[in-house]
């Protein structure tokens, strides 16, 4: 299974194996990673799973859809590497992916 590194705002790291086919958000929620609220359960209807994709992985995670971009308008501290983790599907090619959580999801 691909390993994903989730880094909390304070620098605490969680390195998890996440099954291919799940979203990065689902991997965090299933493993109780703090900092990803996922209020809508992965329906791309909120912005409470906002993460910053490590620049080295930005291309491999793809571009956000227009719907995702609309939802990111509701997130705080959006950067050019911001994504909704519910919209990033885990694949073997994402083994080693690093995402960082913002200070707040609200």
PDB file of N, CA and C in Angstrom:
ATOM      1  N   UNK A   1       0.835  -1.188   0.000  1.00  0.00           N
ATOM      2  CA  UNK A   1       0.000   0.000   0.000  1.00  0.00           C
ATOM      3  C   UNK A   1       0.877   1.248   0.000  1.00  0.00           C
ATOM      4  N   UNK A   2       0.443   2.266  -0.705  1.00  0.00           N
ATOM      5  CA  UNK A   2       1.206   3.514  -0.715  1.00  0.00           C
ATOM      6  C   UNK A   2       1.268   4.144   0.679  1.00  0.00           C
ATOM      7  N   UNK A   3       2.413   4.741   0.983  1.00  0.00           N
ATOM      8  CA  UNK A   3       2.572   5.463   2.245  1.00  0.00           C
ATOM      9  C   UNK A   3       2.345   6.946   1.992  1.00  0.00           C
ATOM     10  N   UNK A   4       1.527   7.541   2.847  1.00  0.00           N
ATOM     11  CA  UNK A   4       1.241   8.966   2.787  1.00  0.00           C
ATOM     12  C   UNK A   4       1.707   9.581   4.097  1.00  0.00           C
ATOM     13  N   UNK A   5       2.407  10.705   4.018  1.00  0.00           N
ATOM     14  CA  UNK A   5       2.829  11.435   5.216  1.00  0.00           C
ATOM     15  C   UNK A   5       1.930  12.648   5.379  1.00  0.00           C
ATOM     16  N   UNK A   6       1.222  12.670   6.506  1.00  0.00           N
ATOM     17  CA  UNK A   6       0.362  13.791   6.876  1.00  0.00           C
ATOM     18  C   UNK A   6       1.109  14.586   7.942  1.00  0.00           C
ATOM     19  N   UNK A   7       1.276  15.873   7.735  1.00  0.00           N
ATOM     20  CA  UNK A   7       2.009  16.701   8.689  1.00  0.00           C
ATOM     21  C   UNK A   7       1.061  17.746   9.253  1.00  0.00           C
ATOM     22  N   UNK A   8       0.872  17.684  10.569  1.00  0.00           N
ATOM     23  CA  UNK A   8       0.017  18.646  11.242  1.00  0.00           C
ATOM     24  C   UNK A   8       0.657  20.026  11.218  1.00  0.00           C
ATOM     25  N   UNK A   9      -0.133  21.035  11.493  1.00  0.00           N
ATOM     26  CA  UNK A   9       0.346  22.418  11.480  1.00  0.00           C
ATOM     27  C   UNK A   9       1.551  22.609  12.415  1.00  0.00           C
ATOM     28  N   UNK A  10       1.571  21.857  13.526  1.00  0.00           N
ATOM     29  CA  UNK A  10       2.667  21.999  14.496  1.00  0.00           C
ATOM     30  C   UNK A  10       3.888  21.151  14.143  1.00  0.00           C
ATOM     31  N   UNK A  11       3.831  20.437  13.012  1.00  0.00           N
ATOM     32  CA  UNK A  11       4.976  19.653  12.564  1.00  0.00           C
ATOM     33  C   UNK A  11       4.908  18.174  12.887  1.00  0.00           C
ATOM     34  N   UNK A  12       3.934  17.738  13.672  1.00  0.00           N
ATOM     35  CA  UNK A  12       3.808  16.315  14.006  1.00  0.00           C
ATOM     36  C   UNK A  12       3.449  15.529  12.749  1.00  0.00           C
ATOM     37  N   UNK A  13       4.196  14.457  12.508  1.00  0.00           N
ATOM     38  CA  UNK A  13       4.002  13.653  11.300  1.00  0.00           C
ATOM     39  C   UNK A  13       3.260  12.357  11.594  1.00  0.00           C
ATOM     40  N   UNK A  14       2.441  11.960  10.634  1.00  0.00           N
ATOM     41  CA  UNK A  14       1.742  10.678  10.667  1.00  0.00           C
ATOM     42  C   UNK A  14       2.034  10.007   9.335  1.00  0.00           C
ATOM     43  N   UNK A  15       2.800   8.933   9.345  1.00  0.00           N
ATOM     44  CA  UNK A  15       3.106   8.193   8.126  1.00  0.00           C
ATOM     45  C   UNK A  15       2.211   6.959   8.121  1.00  0.00           C
ATOM     46  N   UNK A  16       1.327   6.897   7.128  1.00  0.00           N
ATOM     47  CA  UNK A  16       0.318   5.843   7.090  1.00  0.00           C
ATOM     48  C   UNK A  16       0.319   5.117   5.761  1.00  0.00           C
ATOM     49  N   UNK A  17      -0.009   3.846   5.810  1.00  0.00           N
ATOM     50  CA  UNK A  17      -0.273   3.105   4.589  1.00  0.00           C
ATOM     51  C   UNK A  17      -1.754   3.286   4.281  1.00  0.00           C
ATOM     52  N   UNK A  18      -2.042   3.730   3.064  1.00  0.00           N
ATOM     53  CA  UNK A  18      -3.415   3.990   2.648  1.00  0.00           C
ATOM     54  C   UNK A  18      -3.685   3.162   1.395  1.00  0.00           C
ATOM     55  N   UNK A  19      -4.776   2.431   1.410  1.00  0.00           N
ATOM     56  CA  UNK A  19      -5.112   1.560   0.287  1.00  0.00           C
ATOM     57  C   UNK A  19      -5.364   2.369  -0.980  1.00  0.00           C
ATOM     58  N   UNK A  20      -4.875   1.867  -2.083  1.00  0.00           N
ATOM     59  CA  UNK A  20      -5.163   2.481  -3.380  1.00  0.00           C
ATOM     60  C   UNK A  20      -6.675   2.503  -3.583  1.00  0.00           C
ATOM     61  N   UNK A  21      -7.157   3.584  -4.177  1.00  0.00           N
ATOM     62  CA  UNK A  21      -8.585   3.728  -4.407  1.00  0.00           C
ATOM     63  C   UNK A  21      -9.279   4.600  -3.380  1.00  0.00           C
ATOM     64  N   UNK A  22      -8.704   4.679  -2.179  1.00  0.00           N
ATOM     65  CA  UNK A  22      -9.246   5.591  -1.177  1.00  0.00           C
ATOM     66  C   UNK A  22      -8.757   6.995  -1.491  1.00  0.00           C
ATOM     67  N   UNK A  23      -9.382   7.976  -0.891  1.00  0.00           N
ATOM     68  CA  UNK A  23      -8.875   9.341  -1.027  1.00  0.00           C
ATOM     69  C   UNK A  23      -7.875   9.610   0.089  1.00  0.00           C
ATOM     70  N   UNK A  24      -7.074  10.635  -0.095  1.00  0.00           N
ATOM     71  CA  UNK A  24      -6.134  11.047   0.953  1.00  0.00           C
ATOM     72  C   UNK A  24      -6.915  11.406   2.218  1.00  0.00           C
ATOM     73  N   UNK A  25      -8.095  12.012   2.058  1.00  0.00           N
ATOM     74  CA  UNK A  25      -8.955  12.343   3.196  1.00  0.00           C
ATOM     75  C   UNK A  25      -9.410  11.090   3.922  1.00  0.00           C
ATOM     76  N   UNK A  26      -9.856  10.079   3.186  1.00  0.00           N
ATOM     77  CA  UNK A  26     -10.318   8.841   3.814  1.00  0.00           C
ATOM     78  C   UNK A  26      -9.200   8.177   4.613  1.00  0.00           C
ATOM     79  N   UNK A  27      -7.987   8.220   4.086  1.00  0.00           N
ATOM     80  CA  UNK A  27      -6.849   7.666   4.823  1.00  0.00           C
ATOM     81  C   UNK A  27      -6.644   8.377   6.147  1.00  0.00           C
ATOM     82  N   UNK A  28      -6.808   9.694   6.155  1.00  0.00           N
ATOM     83  CA  UNK A  28      -6.647  10.467   7.386  1.00  0.00           C
ATOM     84  C   UNK A  28      -7.767  10.171   8.374  1.00  0.00           C
ATOM     85  N   UNK A  29      -9.008  10.169   7.891  1.00  0.00           N
ATOM     86  CA  UNK A  29     -10.153   9.959   8.776  1.00  0.00           C
ATOM     87  C   UNK A  29     -10.127   8.550   9.369  1.00  0.00           C
ATOM     88  N   UNK A  30      -9.837   7.546   8.559  1.00  0.00           N
ATOM     89  CA  UNK A  30      -9.809   6.158   9.039  1.00  0.00           C
ATOM     90  C   UNK A  30      -8.718   5.939  10.090  1.00  0.00           C
ATOM     91  N   UNK A  31      -7.714   6.808  10.099  1.00  0.00           N
ATOM     92  CA  UNK A  31      -6.605   6.673  11.044  1.00  0.00           C
ATOM     93  C   UNK A  31      -6.584   7.790  12.081  1.00  0.00           C
ATOM     94  N   UNK A  32      -7.693   8.514  12.198  1.00  0.00           N
ATOM     95  CA  UNK A  32      -7.863   9.564  13.218  1.00  0.00           C
ATOM     96  C   UNK A  32      -6.739  10.600  13.211  1.00  0.00           C
ATOM     97  N   UNK A  33      -6.315  11.004  12.015  1.00  0.00           N
ATOM     98  CA  UNK A  33      -5.302  12.052  11.900  1.00  0.00           C
ATOM     99  C   UNK A  33      -5.966  13.396  12.216  1.00  0.00           C
ATOM    100  N   UNK A  34      -5.485  14.110  13.224  1.00  0.00           N
ATOM    101  CA  UNK A  34      -6.083  15.411  13.518  1.00  0.00           C
ATOM    102  C   UNK A  34      -5.751  16.432  12.439  1.00  0.00           C
ATOM    103  N   UNK A  35      -6.683  17.364  12.225  1.00  0.00           N
ATOM    104  CA  UNK A  35      -6.426  18.433  11.276  1.00  0.00           C
ATOM    105  C   UNK A  35      -7.183  18.303   9.979  1.00  0.00           C
ATOM    106  N   UNK A  36      -7.828  17.161   9.753  1.00  0.00           N
ATOM    107  CA  UNK A  36      -8.692  16.983   8.590  1.00  0.00           C
ATOM    108  C   UNK A  36     -10.067  16.647   9.135  1.00  0.00           C
ATOM    109  N   UNK A  37     -10.989  17.628   9.049  1.00  0.00           N
ATOM    110  CA  UNK A  37     -12.315  17.458   9.631  1.00  0.00           C
ATOM    111  C   UNK A  37     -13.250  16.657   8.728  1.00  0.00           C
ATOM    112  N   UNK A  38     -13.226  16.914   7.438  1.00  0.00           N
ATOM    113  CA  UNK A  38     -14.038  16.174   6.466  1.00  0.00           C
ATOM    114  C   UNK A  38     -15.528  16.212   6.809  1.00  0.00           C
ATOM    115  N   UNK A  39     -16.046  17.401   7.061  1.00  0.00           N
ATOM    116  CA  UNK A  39     -17.444  17.558   7.468  1.00  0.00           C
ATOM    117  C   UNK A  39     -18.437  16.988   6.464  1.00  0.00           C
ATOM    118  N   UNK A  40     -18.146  17.064   5.174  1.00  0.00           N
ATOM    119  CA  UNK A  40     -19.102  16.588   4.170  1.00  0.00           C
ATOM    120  C   UNK A  40     -18.883  15.120   3.808  1.00  0.00           C
ATOM    121  N   UNK A  41     -17.901  14.486   4.404  1.00  0.00           N
ATOM    122  CA  UNK A  41     -17.663  13.071   4.159  1.00  0.00           C
ATOM    123  C   UNK A  41     -17.020  12.758   2.823  1.00  0.00           C
ATOM    124  N   UNK A  42     -16.502  13.754   2.146  1.00  0.00           N
ATOM    125  CA  UNK A  42     -15.797  13.504   0.892  1.00  0.00           C
ATOM    126  C   UNK A  42     -16.592  13.832  -0.351  1.00  0.00           C
ATOM    127  N   UNK A  43     -17.655  14.611  -0.201  1.00  0.00           N
ATOM    128  CA  UNK A  43     -18.513  14.939  -1.341  1.00  0.00           C
ATOM    129  C   UNK A  43     -18.097  16.211  -2.073  1.00  0.00           C
ATOM    130  N   UNK A  44     -16.964  16.775  -1.723  1.00  0.00           N
ATOM    131  CA  UNK A  44     -16.489  18.028  -2.322  1.00  0.00           C
ATOM    132  C   UNK A  44     -17.535  19.122  -2.138  1.00  0.00           C
ATOM    133  N   UNK A  45     -18.130  19.149  -0.923  1.00  0.00           N
ATOM    134  CA  UNK A  45     -19.177  20.120  -0.624  1.00  0.00           C
ATOM    135  C   UNK A  45     -18.798  21.017   0.553  1.00  0.00           C
ATOM    136  N   UNK A  46     -17.548  20.952   0.972  1.00  0.00           N
ATOM    137  CA  UNK A  46     -17.047  21.831   2.025  1.00  0.00           C
ATOM    138  C   UNK A  46     -15.547  21.992   1.767  1.00  0.00           C
ATOM    139  N   UNK A  47     -14.852  22.608   2.660  1.00  0.00           N
ATOM    140  CA  UNK A  47     -13.401  22.758   2.479  1.00  0.00           C
ATOM    141  C   UNK A  47     -12.668  22.354   3.748  1.00  0.00           C
ATOM    142  N   UNK A  48     -13.257  21.423   4.503  1.00  0.00           N
ATOM    143  CA  UNK A  48     -12.665  21.063   5.797  1.00  0.00           C
ATOM    144  C   UNK A  48     -11.690  19.894   5.712  1.00  0.00           C
ATOM    145  N   UNK A  49     -11.264  19.583   4.496  1.00  0.00           N
ATOM    146  CA  UNK A  49     -10.191  18.589   4.322  1.00  0.00           C
ATOM    147  C   UNK A  49      -9.046  19.212   3.526  1.00  0.00           C
ATOM    148  N   UNK A  50      -8.960  20.539   3.607  1.00  0.00           N
ATOM    149  CA  UNK A  50      -7.934  21.313   2.899  1.00  0.00           C
ATOM    150  C   UNK A  50      -6.541  20.863   3.344  1.00  0.00           C
ATOM    151  N   UNK A  51      -5.677  20.634   2.387  1.00  0.00           N
ATOM    152  CA  UNK A  51      -4.272  20.313   2.661  1.00  0.00           C
ATOM    153  C   UNK A  51      -3.396  21.074   1.676  1.00  0.00           C
ATOM    154  N   UNK A  52      -2.120  21.152   2.032  1.00  0.00           N
ATOM    155  CA  UNK A  52      -1.103  21.689   1.132  1.00  0.00           C
ATOM    156  C   UNK A  52      -0.292  20.499   0.627  1.00  0.00           C
ATOM    157  N   UNK A  53      -0.301  20.294  -0.665  1.00  0.00           N
ATOM    158  CA  UNK A  53       0.465  19.212  -1.275  1.00  0.00           C
ATOM    159  C   UNK A  53       1.915  19.665  -1.382  1.00  0.00           C
ATOM    160  N   UNK A  54       2.824  18.830  -0.914  1.00  0.00           N
ATOM    161  CA  UNK A  54       4.247  19.132  -1.026  1.00  0.00           C
ATOM    162  C   UNK A  54       4.563  19.443  -2.492  1.00  0.00           C
ATOM    163  N   UNK A  55       5.327  20.516  -2.747  1.00  0.00           N
ATOM    164  CA  UNK A  55       5.602  20.908  -4.137  1.00  0.00           C
ATOM    165  C   UNK A  55       6.140  19.788  -5.024  1.00  0.00           C
ATOM    166  N   UNK A  56       6.900  18.874  -4.462  1.00  0.00           N
ATOM    167  CA  UNK A  56       7.446  17.771  -5.254  1.00  0.00           C
ATOM    168  C   UNK A  56       6.350  16.829  -5.761  1.00  0.00           C
ATOM    169  N   UNK A  57       5.181  16.884  -5.165  1.00  0.00           N
ATOM    170  CA  UNK A  57       4.087  15.987  -5.508  1.00  0.00           C
ATOM    171  C   UNK A  57       2.939  16.677  -6.241  1.00  0.00           C
ATOM    172  N   UNK A  58       3.043  17.967  -6.426  1.00  0.00           N
ATOM    173  CA  UNK A  58       1.937  18.730  -7.006  1.00  0.00           C
ATOM    174  C   UNK A  58       1.518  18.191  -8.382  1.00  0.00           C
ATOM    175  N   UNK A  59       2.474  17.931  -9.242  1.00  0.00           N
ATOM    176  CA  UNK A  59       2.149  17.449 -10.579  1.00  0.00           C
ATOM    177  C   UNK A  59       1.512  16.060 -10.538  1.00  0.00           C
ATOM    178  N   UNK A  60       2.015  15.191  -9.671  1.00  0.00           N
ATOM    179  CA  UNK A  60       1.501  13.819  -9.603  1.00  0.00           C
ATOM    180  C   UNK A  60       0.081  13.742  -9.046  1.00  0.00           C
ATOM    181  N   UNK A  61      -0.321  14.736  -8.253  1.00  0.00           N
ATOM    182  CA  UNK A  61      -1.682  14.715  -7.705  1.00  0.00           C
ATOM    183  C   UNK A  61      -2.683  15.327  -8.676  1.00  0.00           C
ATOM    184  N   UNK A  62      -2.219  15.949  -9.725  1.00  0.00           N
ATOM    185  CA  UNK A  62      -3.108  16.497 -10.732  1.00  0.00           C
ATOM    186  C   UNK A  62      -3.637  17.874 -10.378  1.00  0.00           C
ATOM    187  N   UNK A  63      -4.415  18.423 -11.282  1.00  0.00           N
ATOM    188  CA  UNK A  63      -5.003  19.745 -11.084  1.00  0.00           C
ATOM    189  C   UNK A  63      -6.378  19.608 -10.453  1.00  0.00           C
ATOM    190  N   UNK A  64      -6.740  20.557  -9.603  1.00  0.00           N
ATOM    191  CA  UNK A  64      -8.086  20.519  -9.025  1.00  0.00           C
ATOM    192  C   UNK A  64      -9.143  20.807 -10.096  1.00  0.00           C
ATOM    193  N   UNK A  65     -10.304  20.182  -9.926  1.00  0.00           N
ATOM    194  CA  UNK A  65     -11.431  20.447 -10.835  1.00  0.00           C
ATOM    195  C   UNK A  65     -12.008  21.826 -10.538  1.00  0.00           C
ATOM    196  N   UNK A  66     -12.875  22.310 -11.401  1.00  0.00           N
ATOM    197  CA  UNK A  66     -13.508  23.608 -11.161  1.00  0.00           C
ATOM    198  C   UNK A  66     -14.369  23.565  -9.901  1.00  0.00           C
ATOM    199  N   UNK A  67     -15.007  22.436  -9.629  1.00  0.00           N
ATOM    200  CA  UNK A  67     -15.809  22.306  -8.409  1.00  0.00           C
ATOM    201  C   UNK A  67     -14.912  22.394  -7.172  1.00  0.00           C
ATOM    202  N   UNK A  68     -13.776  21.712  -7.220  1.00  0.00           N
ATOM    203  CA  UNK A  68     -12.838  21.767  -6.102  1.00  0.00           C
ATOM    204  C   UNK A  68     -12.319  23.188  -5.904  1.00  0.00           C
ATOM    205  N   UNK A  69     -12.016  23.870  -6.986  1.00  0.00           N
ATOM    206  CA  UNK A  69     -11.545  25.259  -6.886  1.00  0.00           C
ATOM    207  C   UNK A  69     -12.608  26.140  -6.235  1.00  0.00           C
ATOM    208  N   UNK A  70     -13.868  25.910  -6.564  1.00  0.00           N
ATOM    209  CA  UNK A  70     -14.959  26.672  -5.952  1.00  0.00           C
ATOM    210  C   UNK A  70     -15.020  26.433  -4.450  1.00  0.00           C
ATOM    211  N   UNK A  71     -14.835  25.195  -4.041  1.00  0.00           N
ATOM    212  CA  UNK A  71     -14.872  24.875  -2.610  1.00  0.00           C
ATOM    213  C   UNK A  71     -13.657  25.451  -1.887  1.00  0.00           C
ATOM    214  N   UNK A  72     -12.505  25.500  -2.554  1.00  0.00           N
ATOM    215  CA  UNK A  72     -11.310  26.074  -1.934  1.00  0.00           C
ATOM    216  C   UNK A  72     -11.489  27.553  -1.617  1.00  0.00           C
ATOM    217  N   UNK A  73     -12.433  28.204  -2.297  1.00  0.00           N
ATOM    218  CA  UNK A  73     -12.724  29.609  -1.981  1.00  0.00           C
ATOM    219  C   UNK A  73     -13.178  29.777  -0.537  1.00  0.00           C
ATOM    220  N   UNK A  74     -13.682  28.701   0.075  1.00  0.00           N
ATOM    221  CA  UNK A  74     -14.167  28.751   1.454  1.00  0.00           C
ATOM    222  C   UNK A  74     -13.085  28.408   2.477  1.00  0.00           C
ATOM    223  N   UNK A  75     -11.918  27.994   2.018  1.00  0.00           N
ATOM    224  CA  UNK A  75     -10.827  27.603   2.918  1.00  0.00           C
ATOM    225  C   UNK A  75      -9.978  28.815   3.287  1.00  0.00           C
ATOM    226  N   UNK A  76      -9.378  28.750   4.462  1.00  0.00           N
ATOM    227  CA  UNK A  76      -8.450  29.794   4.894  1.00  0.00           C
ATOM    228  C   UNK A  76      -7.053  29.482   4.378  1.00  0.00           C
ATOM    229  N   UNK A  77      -6.302  30.513   4.066  1.00  0.00           N
ATOM    230  CA  UNK A  77      -4.889  30.350   3.735  1.00  0.00           C
ATOM    231  C   UNK A  77      -4.615  29.550   2.487  1.00  0.00           C
ATOM    232  N   UNK A  78      -5.439  29.692   1.480  1.00  0.00           N
ATOM    233  CA  UNK A  78      -5.252  28.936   0.238  1.00  0.00           C
ATOM    234  C   UNK A  78      -3.974  29.384  -0.465  1.00  0.00           C
ATOM    235  N   UNK A  79      -3.200  28.406  -0.902  1.00  0.00           N
ATOM    236  CA  UNK A  79      -1.959  28.632  -1.640  1.00  0.00           C
ATOM    237  C   UNK A  79      -2.064  27.928  -2.990  1.00  0.00           C
ATOM    238  N   UNK A  80      -1.060  28.095  -3.836  1.00  0.00           N
ATOM    239  CA  UNK A  80      -1.118  27.449  -5.148  1.00  0.00           C
ATOM    240  C   UNK A  80      -1.007  25.925  -5.085  1.00  0.00           C
ATOM    241  N   UNK A  81      -0.594  25.394  -3.939  1.00  0.00           N
ATOM    242  CA  UNK A  81      -0.517  23.942  -3.768  1.00  0.00           C
ATOM    243  C   UNK A  81      -1.638  23.411  -2.874  1.00  0.00           C
ATOM    244  N   UNK A  82      -2.678  24.220  -2.667  1.00  0.00           N
ATOM    245  CA  UNK A  82      -3.829  23.795  -1.868  1.00  0.00           C
ATOM    246  C   UNK A  82      -4.682  22.812  -2.655  1.00  0.00           C
ATOM    247  N   UNK A  83      -5.162  21.804  -1.960  1.00  0.00           N
ATOM    248  CA  UNK A  83      -6.088  20.821  -2.533  1.00  0.00           C
ATOM    249  C   UNK A  83      -7.063  20.396  -1.450  1.00  0.00           C
ATOM    250  N   UNK A  84      -8.182  19.851  -1.867  1.00  0.00           N
ATOM    251  CA  UNK A  84      -9.079  19.177  -0.944  1.00  0.00           C
ATOM    252  C   UNK A  84      -8.656  17.714  -0.961  1.00  0.00           C
ATOM    253  N   UNK A  85      -8.315  17.202   0.205  1.00  0.00           N
ATOM    254  CA  UNK A  85      -7.773  15.838   0.253  1.00  0.00           C
ATOM    255  C   UNK A  85      -8.799  14.790  -0.157  1.00  0.00           C
ATOM    256  N   UNK A  86     -10.091  15.123  -0.128  1.00  0.00           N
ATOM    257  CA  UNK A  86     -11.111  14.181  -0.593  1.00  0.00           C
ATOM    258  C   UNK A  86     -11.066  13.992  -2.105  1.00  0.00           C
ATOM    259  N   UNK A  87     -10.401  14.889  -2.802  1.00  0.00           N
ATOM    260  CA  UNK A  87     -10.348  14.838  -4.256  1.00  0.00           C
ATOM    261  C   UNK A  87      -9.049  14.247  -4.795  1.00  0.00           C
ATOM    262  N   UNK A  88      -8.180  13.805  -3.900  1.00  0.00           N
ATOM    263  CA  UNK A  88      -6.924  13.171  -4.329  1.00  0.00           C
ATOM    264  C   UNK A  88      -7.058  11.675  -4.080  1.00  0.00           C
ATOM    265  N   UNK A  89      -7.173  10.904  -5.154  1.00  0.00           N
ATOM    266  CA  UNK A  89      -7.271   9.449  -5.040  1.00  0.00           C
ATOM    267  C   UNK A  89      -5.881   8.851  -4.888  1.00  0.00           C
ATOM    268  N   UNK A  90      -5.758   7.945  -3.946  1.00  0.00           N
ATOM    269  CA  UNK A  90      -4.482   7.270  -3.701  1.00  0.00           C
ATOM    270  C   UNK A  90      -4.257   6.224  -4.791  1.00  0.00           C
ATOM    271  N   UNK A  91      -3.079   6.275  -5.366  1.00  0.00           N
ATOM    272  CA  UNK A  91      -2.647   5.302  -6.374  1.00  0.00           C
ATOM    273  C   UNK A  91      -1.235   4.859  -5.994  1.00  0.00           C
ATOM    274  N   UNK A  92      -0.761   3.759  -6.561  1.00  0.00           N
ATOM    275  CA  UNK A  92       0.613   3.348  -6.270  1.00  0.00           C
ATOM    276  C   UNK A  92       1.636   4.440  -6.599  1.00  0.00           C
ATOM    277  N   UNK A  93       1.338   5.281  -7.585  1.00  0.00           N
ATOM    278  CA  UNK A  93       2.252   6.359  -7.971  1.00  0.00           C
ATOM    279  C   UNK A  93       2.375   7.435  -6.898  1.00  0.00           C
ATOM    280  N   UNK A  94       1.446   7.461  -5.954  1.00  0.00           N
ATOM    281  CA  UNK A  94       1.501   8.453  -4.872  1.00  0.00           C
ATOM    282  C   UNK A  94       2.201   7.927  -3.622  1.00  0.00           C
ATOM    283  N   UNK A  95       2.876   6.783  -3.737  1.00  0.00           N
ATOM    284  CA  UNK A  95       3.646   6.260  -2.604  1.00  0.00           C
ATOM    285  C   UNK A  95       4.715   7.278  -2.222  1.00  0.00           C
ATOM    286  N   UNK A  96       4.637   7.774  -0.984  1.00  0.00           N
ATOM    287  CA  UNK A  96       5.580   8.778  -0.503  1.00  0.00           C
ATOM    288  C   UNK A  96       5.002  10.191  -0.471  1.00  0.00           C
ATOM    289  N   UNK A  97       3.752  10.348  -0.905  1.00  0.00           N
ATOM    290  CA  UNK A  97       3.099  11.654  -0.927  1.00  0.00           C
ATOM    291  C   UNK A  97       3.179  12.331   0.446  1.00  0.00           C
ATOM    292  N   UNK A  98       3.420  13.629   0.430  1.00  0.00           N
ATOM    293  CA  UNK A  98       3.473  14.432   1.654  1.00  0.00           C
ATOM    294  C   UNK A  98       2.438  15.531   1.539  1.00  0.00           C
ATOM    295  N   UNK A  99       1.556  15.613   2.556  1.00  0.00           N
ATOM    296  CA  UNK A  99       0.587  16.704   2.631  1.00  0.00           C
ATOM    297  C   UNK A  99       0.692  17.350   4.005  1.00  0.00           C
ATOM    298  N   UNK A 100       0.464  18.649   4.032  1.00  0.00           N
ATOM    299  CA  UNK A 100       0.499  19.410   5.282  1.00  0.00           C
ATOM    300  C   UNK A 100      -0.876  20.005   5.534  1.00  0.00           C
ATOM    301  N   UNK A 101      -1.279  20.008   6.802  1.00  0.00           N
ATOM    302  CA  UNK A 101      -2.558  20.564   7.163  1.00  0.00           C
ATOM    303  C   UNK A 101      -2.411  22.040   7.548  1.00  0.00           C
ATOM    304  N   UNK A 102      -3.419  22.845   7.225  1.00  0.00           N
ATOM    305  CA  UNK A 102      -3.390  24.244   7.652  1.00  0.00           C
ATOM    306  C   UNK A 102      -3.641  24.346   9.157  1.00  0.00           C
ATOM    307  N   UNK A 103      -3.443  25.525   9.692  1.00  0.00           N
ATOM    308  CA  UNK A 103      -3.648  25.748  11.127  1.00  0.00           C
ATOM    309  C   UNK A 103      -5.094  25.476  11.526  1.00  0.00           C
ATOM    310  N   UNK A 104      -6.023  25.825  10.632  1.00  0.00           N
ATOM    311  CA  UNK A 104      -7.447  25.656  10.926  1.00  0.00           C
ATOM    312  C   UNK A 104      -8.186  25.247   9.664  1.00  0.00           C
ATOM    313  N   UNK A 105      -9.262  24.501   9.836  1.00  0.00           N
ATOM    314  CA  UNK A 105     -10.110  24.119   8.714  1.00  0.00           C
ATOM    315  C   UNK A 105     -11.361  24.997   8.643  1.00  0.00           C
ATOM    316  N   UNK A 106     -11.415  26.038   9.449  1.00  0.00           N
ATOM    317  CA  UNK A 106     -12.635  26.866   9.491  1.00  0.00           C
ATOM    318  C   UNK A 106     -12.359  28.280   9.072  1.00  0.00           C
TER     319      UNK A 106
END
